mmCIF file of all heavy atoms, coordinates in Angstrom:
data_MODEL
# 
_entry.id   MODEL 
# 
loop_
_atom_site.group_PDB 
_atom_site.id 
_atom_site.type_symbol 
_atom_site.label_atom_id 
_atom_site.label_alt_id 
_atom_site.label_comp_id 
_atom_site.label_asym_id 
_atom_site.label_entity_id 
_atom_site.label_seq_id 
_atom_site.pdbx_PDB_ins_code 
_atom_site.Cartn_x 
_atom_site.Cartn_y 
_atom_site.Cartn_z 
_atom_site.occupancy 
_atom_site.B_iso_or_equiv 
_atom_site.pdbx_formal_charge 
_atom_site.auth_seq_id 
_atom_site.auth_comp_id 
_atom_site.auth_asym_id 
_atom_site.auth_atom_id 
_atom_site.pdbx_PDB_model_num 
ATOM 1   N N   . ILE A 1 1  ? -39.897 -31.200 88.212 1.00 0.00 ? 1  ILE A N   1 
ATOM 2   C CA  . ILE A 1 1  ? -41.128 -32.012 88.004 1.00 0.00 ? 1  ILE A CA  1 
ATOM 3   C C   . ILE A 1 1  ? -42.086 -31.686 89.048 1.00 0.00 ? 1  ILE A C   1 
ATOM 4   O O   . ILE A 1 1  ? -41.799 -31.781 90.209 1.00 0.00 ? 1  ILE A O   1 
ATOM 5   C CB  . ILE A 1 1  ? -40.725 -33.493 87.979 1.00 0.00 ? 1  ILE A CB  1 
ATOM 6   C CG1 . ILE A 1 1  ? -39.779 -33.788 86.797 1.00 0.00 ? 1  ILE A CG1 1 
ATOM 7   C CG2 . ILE A 1 1  ? -41.949 -34.381 87.901 1.00 0.00 ? 1  ILE A CG2 1 
ATOM 8   C CD1 . ILE A 1 1  ? -39.314 -35.205 86.740 1.00 0.00 ? 1  ILE A CD1 1 
ATOM 9   N N   . PHE A 1 2  ? -43.367 -31.351 88.693 1.00 0.00 ? 2  PHE A N   1 
ATOM 10  C CA  . PHE A 1 2  ? -44.466 -30.970 89.669 1.00 0.00 ? 2  PHE A CA  1 
ATOM 11  C C   . PHE A 1 2  ? -45.597 -32.023 89.510 1.00 0.00 ? 2  PHE A C   1 
ATOM 12  O O   . PHE A 1 2  ? -45.758 -32.327 88.400 1.00 0.00 ? 2  PHE A O   1 
ATOM 13  C CB  . PHE A 1 2  ? -44.972 -29.607 89.310 1.00 0.00 ? 2  PHE A CB  1 
ATOM 14  C CG  . PHE A 1 2  ? -44.046 -28.514 89.535 1.00 0.00 ? 2  PHE A CG  1 
ATOM 15  C CD1 . PHE A 1 2  ? -43.129 -28.148 88.761 1.00 0.00 ? 2  PHE A CD1 1 
ATOM 16  C CD2 . PHE A 1 2  ? -44.121 -27.816 90.813 1.00 0.00 ? 2  PHE A CD2 1 
ATOM 17  C CE1 . PHE A 1 2  ? -42.219 -26.865 89.025 1.00 0.00 ? 2  PHE A CE1 1 
ATOM 18  C CE2 . PHE A 1 2  ? -43.304 -26.843 91.132 1.00 0.00 ? 2  PHE A CE2 1 
ATOM 19  C CZ  . PHE A 1 2  ? -42.332 -26.415 90.246 1.00 0.00 ? 2  PHE A CZ  1 
ATOM 20  N N   . VAL A 1 3  ? -46.155 -32.360 90.626 1.00 0.00 ? 3  VAL A N   1 
ATOM 21  C CA  . VAL A 1 3  ? -47.366 -33.214 90.579 1.00 0.00 ? 3  VAL A CA  1 
ATOM 22  C C   . VAL A 1 3  ? -48.338 -32.413 91.408 1.00 0.00 ? 3  VAL A C   1 
ATOM 23  O O   . VAL A 1 3  ? -48.150 -32.208 92.557 1.00 0.00 ? 3  VAL A O   1 
ATOM 24  C CB  . VAL A 1 3  ? -47.127 -34.627 91.098 1.00 0.00 ? 3  VAL A CB  1 
ATOM 25  C CG1 . VAL A 1 3  ? -48.340 -35.347 91.278 1.00 0.00 ? 3  VAL A CG1 1 
ATOM 26  C CG2 . VAL A 1 3  ? -46.063 -35.229 90.210 1.00 0.00 ? 3  VAL A CG2 1 
ATOM 27  N N   . ASN A 1 4  ? -49.534 -32.068 90.800 1.00 0.00 ? 4  ASN A N   1 
ATOM 28  C CA  . ASN A 1 4  ? -50.505 -31.327 91.437 1.00 0.00 ? 4  ASN A CA  1 
ATOM 29  C C   . ASN A 1 4  ? -49.950 -30.002 92.117 1.00 0.00 ? 4  ASN A C   1 
ATOM 30  O O   . ASN A 1 4  ? -50.221 -29.617 93.198 1.00 0.00 ? 4  ASN A O   1 
ATOM 31  C CB  . ASN A 1 4  ? -51.258 -32.085 92.550 1.00 0.00 ? 4  ASN A CB  1 
ATOM 32  C CG  . ASN A 1 4  ? -52.129 -33.310 92.021 1.00 0.00 ? 4  ASN A CG  1 
ATOM 33  O OD1 . ASN A 1 4  ? -52.503 -33.162 90.858 1.00 0.00 ? 4  ASN A OD1 1 
ATOM 34  N ND2 . ASN A 1 4  ? -52.223 -34.240 92.753 1.00 0.00 ? 4  ASN A ND2 1 
ATOM 35  N N   . ASP A 1 5  ? -49.170 -29.300 91.278 1.00 0.00 ? 5  ASP A N   1 
ATOM 36  C CA  . ASP A 1 5  ? -48.480 -28.015 91.697 1.00 0.00 ? 5  ASP A CA  1 
ATOM 37  C C   . ASP A 1 5  ? -47.606 -28.218 92.863 1.00 0.00 ? 5  ASP A C   1 
ATOM 38  O O   . ASP A 1 5  ? -47.397 -27.208 93.593 1.00 0.00 ? 5  ASP A O   1 
ATOM 39  C CB  . ASP A 1 5  ? -49.639 -26.942 91.971 1.00 0.00 ? 5  ASP A CB  1 
ATOM 40  C CG  . ASP A 1 5  ? -50.381 -26.461 90.654 1.00 0.00 ? 5  ASP A CG  1 
ATOM 41  O OD1 . ASP A 1 5  ? -49.703 -26.612 89.629 1.00 0.00 ? 5  ASP A OD1 1 
ATOM 42  O OD2 . ASP A 1 5  ? -51.401 -26.031 90.790 1.00 0.00 ? 5  ASP A OD2 1 
ATOM 43  N N   . MET A 1 6  ? -47.160 -29.358 93.116 1.00 0.00 ? 6  MET A N   1 
ATOM 44  C CA  . MET A 1 6  ? -46.178 -29.646 94.326 1.00 0.00 ? 6  MET A CA  1 
ATOM 45  C C   . MET A 1 6  ? -44.999 -30.037 93.669 1.00 0.00 ? 6  MET A C   1 
ATOM 46  O O   . MET A 1 6  ? -44.878 -31.046 92.739 1.00 0.00 ? 6  MET A O   1 
ATOM 47  C CB  . MET A 1 6  ? -46.737 -30.650 95.210 1.00 0.00 ? 6  MET A CB  1 
ATOM 48  C CG  . MET A 1 6  ? -45.962 -31.107 96.351 1.00 0.00 ? 6  MET A CG  1 
ATOM 49  S SD  . MET A 1 6  ? -45.752 -29.772 97.491 1.00 0.00 ? 6  MET A SD  1 
ATOM 50  C CE  . MET A 1 6  ? -44.766 -30.409 98.741 1.00 0.00 ? 6  MET A CE  1 
ATOM 51  N N   . LEU A 1 7  ? -43.824 -29.456 94.069 1.00 0.00 ? 7  LEU A N   1 
ATOM 52  C CA  . LEU A 1 7  ? -42.522 -29.846 93.455 1.00 0.00 ? 7  LEU A CA  1 
ATOM 53  C C   . LEU A 1 7  ? -42.095 -31.239 93.918 1.00 0.00 ? 7  LEU A C   1 
ATOM 54  O O   . LEU A 1 7  ? -42.160 -31.552 95.160 1.00 0.00 ? 7  LEU A O   1 
ATOM 55  C CB  . LEU A 1 7  ? -41.431 -28.837 93.842 1.00 0.00 ? 7  LEU A CB  1 
ATOM 56  C CG  . LEU A 1 7  ? -39.981 -29.052 93.350 1.00 0.00 ? 7  LEU A CG  1 
ATOM 57  C CD1 . LEU A 1 7  ? -39.982 -28.941 91.786 1.00 0.00 ? 7  LEU A CD1 1 
ATOM 58  C CD2 . LEU A 1 7  ? -39.129 -27.960 93.990 1.00 0.00 ? 7  LEU A CD2 1 
ATOM 59  N N   . VAL A 1 8  ? -41.878 -32.160 93.006 1.00 0.00 ? 8  VAL A N   1 
ATOM 60  C CA  . VAL A 1 8  ? -41.454 -33.476 93.310 1.00 0.00 ? 8  VAL A CA  1 
ATOM 61  C C   . VAL A 1 8  ? -39.983 -33.672 93.284 1.00 0.00 ? 8  VAL A C   1 
ATOM 62  O O   . VAL A 1 8  ? -39.490 -34.178 94.272 1.00 0.00 ? 8  VAL A O   1 
ATOM 63  C CB  . VAL A 1 8  ? -42.161 -34.438 92.455 1.00 0.00 ? 8  VAL A CB  1 
ATOM 64  C CG1 . VAL A 1 8  ? -41.706 -35.839 92.749 1.00 0.00 ? 8  VAL A CG1 1 
ATOM 65  C CG2 . VAL A 1 8  ? -43.691 -34.460 92.450 1.00 0.00 ? 8  VAL A CG2 1 
ATOM 66  N N   . THR A 1 9  ? -39.319 -33.283 92.314 1.00 0.00 ? 9  THR A N   1 
ATOM 67  C CA  . THR A 1 9  ? -37.943 -33.401 92.184 1.00 0.00 ? 9  THR A CA  1 
ATOM 68  C C   . THR A 1 9  ? -37.375 -32.327 91.229 1.00 0.00 ? 9  THR A C   1 
ATOM 69  O O   . THR A 1 9  ? -38.248 -31.753 90.476 1.00 0.00 ? 9  THR A O   1 
ATOM 70  C CB  . THR A 1 9  ? -37.484 -34.704 91.640 1.00 0.00 ? 9  THR A CB  1 
ATOM 71  O OG1 . THR A 1 9  ? -35.995 -34.857 91.727 1.00 0.00 ? 9  THR A OG1 1 
ATOM 72  C CG2 . THR A 1 9  ? -37.905 -35.128 90.300 1.00 0.00 ? 9  THR A CG2 1 
ATOM 73  N N   . PHE A 1 10 ? -36.145 -31.978 91.475 1.00 0.00 ? 10 PHE A N   1 
ATOM 74  C CA  . PHE A 1 10 ? -35.600 -30.879 90.436 1.00 0.00 ? 10 PHE A CA  1 
ATOM 75  C C   . PHE A 1 10 ? -34.064 -31.234 90.414 1.00 0.00 ? 10 PHE A C   1 
ATOM 76  O O   . PHE A 1 10 ? -33.503 -31.798 91.301 1.00 0.00 ? 10 PHE A O   1 
ATOM 77  C CB  . PHE A 1 10 ? -35.869 -29.476 90.938 1.00 0.00 ? 10 PHE A CB  1 
ATOM 78  C CG  . PHE A 1 10 ? -35.331 -29.203 92.227 1.00 0.00 ? 10 PHE A CG  1 
ATOM 79  C CD1 . PHE A 1 10 ? -34.071 -28.591 92.421 1.00 0.00 ? 10 PHE A CD1 1 
ATOM 80  C CD2 . PHE A 1 10 ? -36.018 -29.433 93.568 1.00 0.00 ? 10 PHE A CD2 1 
ATOM 81  C CE1 . PHE A 1 10 ? -33.538 -28.294 93.645 1.00 0.00 ? 10 PHE A CE1 1 
ATOM 82  C CE2 . PHE A 1 10 ? -35.515 -29.176 94.772 1.00 0.00 ? 10 PHE A CE2 1 
ATOM 83  C CZ  . PHE A 1 10 ? -34.196 -28.549 94.835 1.00 0.00 ? 10 PHE A CZ  1 
ATOM 84  N N   . SER A 1 11 ? -33.574 -30.545 89.395 1.00 0.00 ? 11 SER A N   1 
ATOM 85  C CA  . SER A 1 11 ? -32.031 -30.713 89.267 1.00 0.00 ? 11 SER A CA  1 
ATOM 86  C C   . SER A 1 11 ? -31.586 -29.478 88.377 1.00 0.00 ? 11 SER A C   1 
ATOM 87  O O   . SER A 1 11 ? -32.171 -29.211 87.340 1.00 0.00 ? 11 SER A O   1 
ATOM 88  C CB  . SER A 1 11 ? -31.566 -31.928 88.558 1.00 0.00 ? 11 SER A CB  1 
ATOM 89  O OG  . SER A 1 11 ? -30.145 -31.764 88.239 1.00 0.00 ? 11 SER A OG  1 
ATOM 90  N N   . PHE A 1 12 ? -30.639 -28.660 88.962 1.00 0.00 ? 12 PHE A N   1 
ATOM 91  C CA  . PHE A 1 12 ? -30.262 -27.502 88.247 1.00 0.00 ? 12 PHE A CA  1 
ATOM 92  C C   . PHE A 1 12 ? -28.815 -27.554 87.857 1.00 0.00 ? 12 PHE A C   1 
ATOM 93  O O   . PHE A 1 12 ? -28.216 -26.717 87.498 1.00 0.00 ? 12 PHE A O   1 
ATOM 94  C CB  . PHE A 1 12 ? -30.351 -26.322 89.219 1.00 0.00 ? 12 PHE A CB  1 
ATOM 95  C CG  . PHE A 1 12 ? -31.783 -25.972 89.531 1.00 0.00 ? 12 PHE A CG  1 
ATOM 96  C CD1 . PHE A 1 12 ? -32.196 -25.989 90.893 1.00 0.00 ? 12 PHE A CD1 1 
ATOM 97  C CD2 . PHE A 1 12 ? -32.649 -25.511 88.590 1.00 0.00 ? 12 PHE A CD2 1 
ATOM 98  C CE1 . PHE A 1 12 ? -33.515 -25.639 91.231 1.00 0.00 ? 12 PHE A CE1 1 
ATOM 99  C CE2 . PHE A 1 12 ? -33.932 -25.223 89.014 1.00 0.00 ? 12 PHE A CE2 1 
ATOM 100 C CZ  . PHE A 1 12 ? -34.348 -25.182 90.311 1.00 0.00 ? 12 PHE A CZ  1 
ATOM 101 N N   . SER A 1 13 ? -28.313 -28.871 87.857 1.00 0.00 ? 13 SER A N   1 
ATOM 102 C CA  . SER A 1 13 ? -26.943 -29.211 87.386 1.00 0.00 ? 13 SER A CA  1 
ATOM 103 C C   . SER A 1 13 ? -26.924 -29.135 85.826 1.00 0.00 ? 13 SER A C   1 
ATOM 104 O O   . SER A 1 13 ? -27.886 -29.489 85.182 1.00 0.00 ? 13 SER A O   1 
ATOM 105 C CB  . SER A 1 13 ? -26.452 -30.482 87.782 1.00 0.00 ? 13 SER A CB  1 
ATOM 106 O OG  . SER A 1 13 ? -27.268 -31.550 87.301 1.00 0.00 ? 13 SER A OG  1 
ATOM 107 N N   . SER A 1 14 ? -25.833 -28.576 85.357 1.00 0.00 ? 14 SER A N   1 
ATOM 108 C CA  . SER A 1 14 ? -25.660 -28.539 83.828 1.00 0.00 ? 14 SER A CA  1 
ATOM 109 C C   . SER A 1 14 ? -24.816 -29.653 83.424 1.00 0.00 ? 14 SER A C   1 
ATOM 110 O O   . SER A 1 14 ? -24.199 -29.525 82.325 1.00 0.00 ? 14 SER A O   1 
ATOM 111 C CB  . SER A 1 14 ? -25.151 -27.185 83.509 1.00 0.00 ? 14 SER A CB  1 
ATOM 112 O OG  . SER A 1 14 ? -23.874 -26.991 84.097 1.00 0.00 ? 14 SER A OG  1 
ATOM 113 N N   . GLY A 1 15 ? -24.656 -30.735 84.082 1.00 0.00 ? 15 GLY A N   1 
ATOM 114 C CA  . GLY A 1 15 ? -23.778 -31.794 83.699 1.00 0.00 ? 15 GLY A CA  1 
ATOM 115 C C   . GLY A 1 15 ? -24.423 -32.656 82.581 1.00 0.00 ? 15 GLY A C   1 
ATOM 116 O O   . GLY A 1 15 ? -25.542 -32.366 82.158 1.00 0.00 ? 15 GLY A O   1 
ATOM 117 N N   . ASN A 1 16 ? -23.706 -33.651 82.309 1.00 0.00 ? 16 ASN A N   1 
ATOM 118 C CA  . ASN A 1 16 ? -24.223 -34.611 81.227 1.00 0.00 ? 16 ASN A CA  1 
ATOM 119 C C   . ASN A 1 16 ? -25.092 -35.583 81.868 1.00 0.00 ? 16 ASN A C   1 
ATOM 120 O O   . ASN A 1 16 ? -24.669 -36.662 82.124 1.00 0.00 ? 16 ASN A O   1 
ATOM 121 C CB  . ASN A 1 16 ? -23.065 -35.181 80.567 1.00 0.00 ? 16 ASN A CB  1 
ATOM 122 C CG  . ASN A 1 16 ? -22.196 -34.204 79.694 1.00 0.00 ? 16 ASN A CG  1 
ATOM 123 O OD1 . ASN A 1 16 ? -22.762 -33.321 79.225 1.00 0.00 ? 16 ASN A OD1 1 
ATOM 124 N ND2 . ASN A 1 16 ? -20.884 -34.451 79.518 1.00 0.00 ? 16 ASN A ND2 1 
ATOM 125 N N   . THR A 1 17 ? -26.336 -35.310 82.062 1.00 0.00 ? 17 THR A N   1 
ATOM 126 C CA  . THR A 1 17 ? -27.339 -36.215 82.524 1.00 0.00 ? 17 THR A CA  1 
ATOM 127 C C   . THR A 1 17 ? -28.211 -36.669 81.435 1.00 0.00 ? 17 THR A C   1 
ATOM 128 O O   . THR A 1 17 ? -29.189 -36.114 80.958 1.00 0.00 ? 17 THR A O   1 
ATOM 129 C CB  . THR A 1 17 ? -28.221 -35.627 83.521 1.00 0.00 ? 17 THR A CB  1 
ATOM 130 O OG1 . THR A 1 17 ? -28.803 -34.411 82.954 1.00 0.00 ? 17 THR A OG1 1 
ATOM 131 C CG2 . THR A 1 17 ? -27.407 -35.123 84.810 1.00 0.00 ? 17 THR A CG2 1 
ATOM 132 N N   . ALA A 1 18 ? -27.761 -37.779 80.760 1.00 0.00 ? 18 ALA A N   1 
ATOM 133 C CA  . ALA A 1 18 ? -28.473 -38.322 79.585 1.00 0.00 ? 18 ALA A CA  1 
ATOM 134 C C   . ALA A 1 18 ? -28.986 -39.585 79.870 1.00 0.00 ? 18 ALA A C   1 
ATOM 135 O O   . ALA A 1 18 ? -28.728 -40.331 80.741 1.00 0.00 ? 18 ALA A O   1 
ATOM 136 C CB  . ALA A 1 18 ? -27.499 -38.438 78.413 1.00 0.00 ? 18 ALA A CB  1 
ATOM 137 N N   . GLY A 1 19 ? -30.144 -39.890 79.163 1.00 0.00 ? 19 GLY A N   1 
ATOM 138 C CA  . GLY A 1 19 ? -30.765 -41.198 79.321 1.00 0.00 ? 19 GLY A CA  1 
ATOM 139 C C   . GLY A 1 19 ? -32.021 -41.027 80.112 1.00 0.00 ? 19 GLY A C   1 
ATOM 140 O O   . GLY A 1 19 ? -32.412 -40.061 80.682 1.00 0.00 ? 19 GLY A O   1 
ATOM 141 N N   . GLU A 1 20 ? -32.628 -42.224 80.389 1.00 0.00 ? 20 GLU A N   1 
ATOM 142 C CA  . GLU A 1 20 ? -33.878 -42.323 81.233 1.00 0.00 ? 20 GLU A CA  1 
ATOM 143 C C   . GLU A 1 20 ? -33.476 -42.316 82.626 1.00 0.00 ? 20 GLU A C   1 
ATOM 144 O O   . GLU A 1 20 ? -32.578 -43.090 83.134 1.00 0.00 ? 20 GLU A O   1 
ATOM 145 C CB  . GLU A 1 20 ? -34.619 -43.624 80.832 1.00 0.00 ? 20 GLU A CB  1 
ATOM 146 C CG  . GLU A 1 20 ? -35.954 -43.618 81.540 1.00 0.00 ? 20 GLU A CG  1 
ATOM 147 C CD  . GLU A 1 20 ? -36.793 -44.761 80.977 1.00 0.00 ? 20 GLU A CD  1 
ATOM 148 O OE1 . GLU A 1 20 ? -37.132 -44.894 79.911 1.00 0.00 ? 20 GLU A OE1 1 
ATOM 149 O OE2 . GLU A 1 20 ? -36.989 -45.769 81.874 1.00 0.00 ? 20 GLU A OE2 1 
ATOM 150 N N   . GLN A 1 21 ? -34.282 -41.606 83.368 1.00 0.00 ? 21 GLN A N   1 
ATOM 151 C CA  . GLN A 1 21 ? -34.016 -41.501 84.788 1.00 0.00 ? 21 GLN A CA  1 
ATOM 152 C C   . GLN A 1 21 ? -35.386 -41.607 85.516 1.00 0.00 ? 21 GLN A C   1 
ATOM 153 O O   . GLN A 1 21 ? -36.318 -41.564 84.859 1.00 0.00 ? 21 GLN A O   1 
ATOM 154 C CB  . GLN A 1 21 ? -33.519 -40.062 85.199 1.00 0.00 ? 21 GLN A CB  1 
ATOM 155 C CG  . GLN A 1 21 ? -32.165 -39.781 84.689 1.00 0.00 ? 21 GLN A CG  1 
ATOM 156 C CD  . GLN A 1 21 ? -31.686 -38.343 84.924 1.00 0.00 ? 21 GLN A CD  1 
ATOM 157 O OE1 . GLN A 1 21 ? -32.343 -37.749 85.818 1.00 0.00 ? 21 GLN A OE1 1 
ATOM 158 N NE2 . GLN A 1 21 ? -30.633 -37.932 84.366 1.00 0.00 ? 21 GLN A NE2 1 
ATOM 159 N N   . SER A 1 22 ? -35.445 -41.960 86.820 1.00 0.00 ? 22 SER A N   1 
ATOM 160 C CA  . SER A 1 22 ? -36.627 -42.078 87.533 1.00 0.00 ? 22 SER A CA  1 
ATOM 161 C C   . SER A 1 22 ? -36.611 -41.393 88.828 1.00 0.00 ? 22 SER A C   1 
ATOM 162 O O   . SER A 1 22 ? -35.373 -41.222 89.384 1.00 0.00 ? 22 SER A O   1 
ATOM 163 C CB  . SER A 1 22 ? -36.844 -43.616 87.726 1.00 0.00 ? 22 SER A CB  1 
ATOM 164 O OG  . SER A 1 22 ? -35.875 -44.167 88.553 1.00 0.00 ? 22 SER A OG  1 
ATOM 165 N N   . ALA A 1 23 ? -37.687 -40.917 89.336 1.00 0.00 ? 23 ALA A N   1 
ATOM 166 C CA  . ALA A 1 23 ? -37.744 -40.214 90.567 1.00 0.00 ? 23 ALA A CA  1 
ATOM 167 C C   . ALA A 1 23 ? -38.813 -40.809 91.393 1.00 0.00 ? 23 ALA A C   1 
ATOM 168 O O   . ALA A 1 23 ? -39.970 -41.082 90.870 1.00 0.00 ? 23 ALA A O   1 
ATOM 169 C CB  . ALA A 1 23 ? -37.999 -38.594 90.286 1.00 0.00 ? 23 ALA A CB  1 
ATOM 170 N N   . ASP A 1 24 ? -38.680 -41.070 92.604 1.00 0.00 ? 24 ASP A N   1 
ATOM 171 C CA  . ASP A 1 24 ? -39.683 -41.574 93.505 1.00 0.00 ? 24 ASP A CA  1 
ATOM 172 C C   . ASP A 1 24 ? -40.572 -40.477 93.987 1.00 0.00 ? 24 ASP A C   1 
ATOM 173 O O   . ASP A 1 24 ? -40.113 -39.343 94.300 1.00 0.00 ? 24 ASP A O   1 
ATOM 174 C CB  . ASP A 1 24 ? -39.085 -42.313 94.634 1.00 0.00 ? 24 ASP A CB  1 
ATOM 175 C CG  . ASP A 1 24 ? -38.302 -43.588 94.287 1.00 0.00 ? 24 ASP A CG  1 
ATOM 176 O OD1 . ASP A 1 24 ? -38.795 -44.166 93.430 1.00 0.00 ? 24 ASP A OD1 1 
ATOM 177 O OD2 . ASP A 1 24 ? -37.284 -43.898 95.020 1.00 0.00 ? 24 ASP A OD2 1 
ATOM 178 N N   . ILE A 1 25 ? -41.877 -40.728 93.985 1.00 0.00 ? 25 ILE A N   1 
ATOM 179 C CA  . ILE A 1 25 ? -42.874 -39.802 94.403 1.00 0.00 ? 25 ILE A CA  1 
ATOM 180 C C   . ILE A 1 25 ? -43.532 -40.407 95.707 1.00 0.00 ? 25 ILE A C   1 
ATOM 181 O O   . ILE A 1 25 ? -44.290 -41.403 95.552 1.00 0.00 ? 25 ILE A O   1 
ATOM 182 C CB  . ILE A 1 25 ? -43.942 -39.498 93.417 1.00 0.00 ? 25 ILE A CB  1 
ATOM 183 C CG1 . ILE A 1 25 ? -43.225 -38.905 92.133 1.00 0.00 ? 25 ILE A CG1 1 
ATOM 184 C CG2 . ILE A 1 25 ? -44.935 -38.489 93.912 1.00 0.00 ? 25 ILE A CG2 1 
ATOM 185 C CD1 . ILE A 1 25 ? -44.154 -38.729 91.037 1.00 0.00 ? 25 ILE A CD1 1 
ATOM 186 N N   . PRO A 1 26 ? -43.335 -39.902 96.850 1.00 0.00 ? 26 PRO A N   1 
ATOM 187 C CA  . PRO A 1 26 ? -44.000 -40.423 98.089 1.00 0.00 ? 26 PRO A CA  1 
ATOM 188 C C   . PRO A 1 26 ? -45.463 -40.185 98.088 1.00 0.00 ? 26 PRO A C   1 
ATOM 189 O O   . PRO A 1 26 ? -45.906 -39.282 97.497 1.00 0.00 ? 26 PRO A O   1 
ATOM 190 C CB  . PRO A 1 26 ? -43.275 -39.768 99.300 1.00 0.00 ? 26 PRO A CB  1 
ATOM 191 C CG  . PRO A 1 26 ? -42.603 -38.583 98.709 1.00 0.00 ? 26 PRO A CG  1 
ATOM 192 C CD  . PRO A 1 26 ? -42.451 -38.796 97.145 1.00 0.00 ? 26 PRO A CD  1 
# 
């Protein structure tokens, strides 16, 4: 997830991550 071309959060895991998630942006 990028905001203004700055990487905010990422996940490269291939696990079962289903459903709504949230990420804090400082």
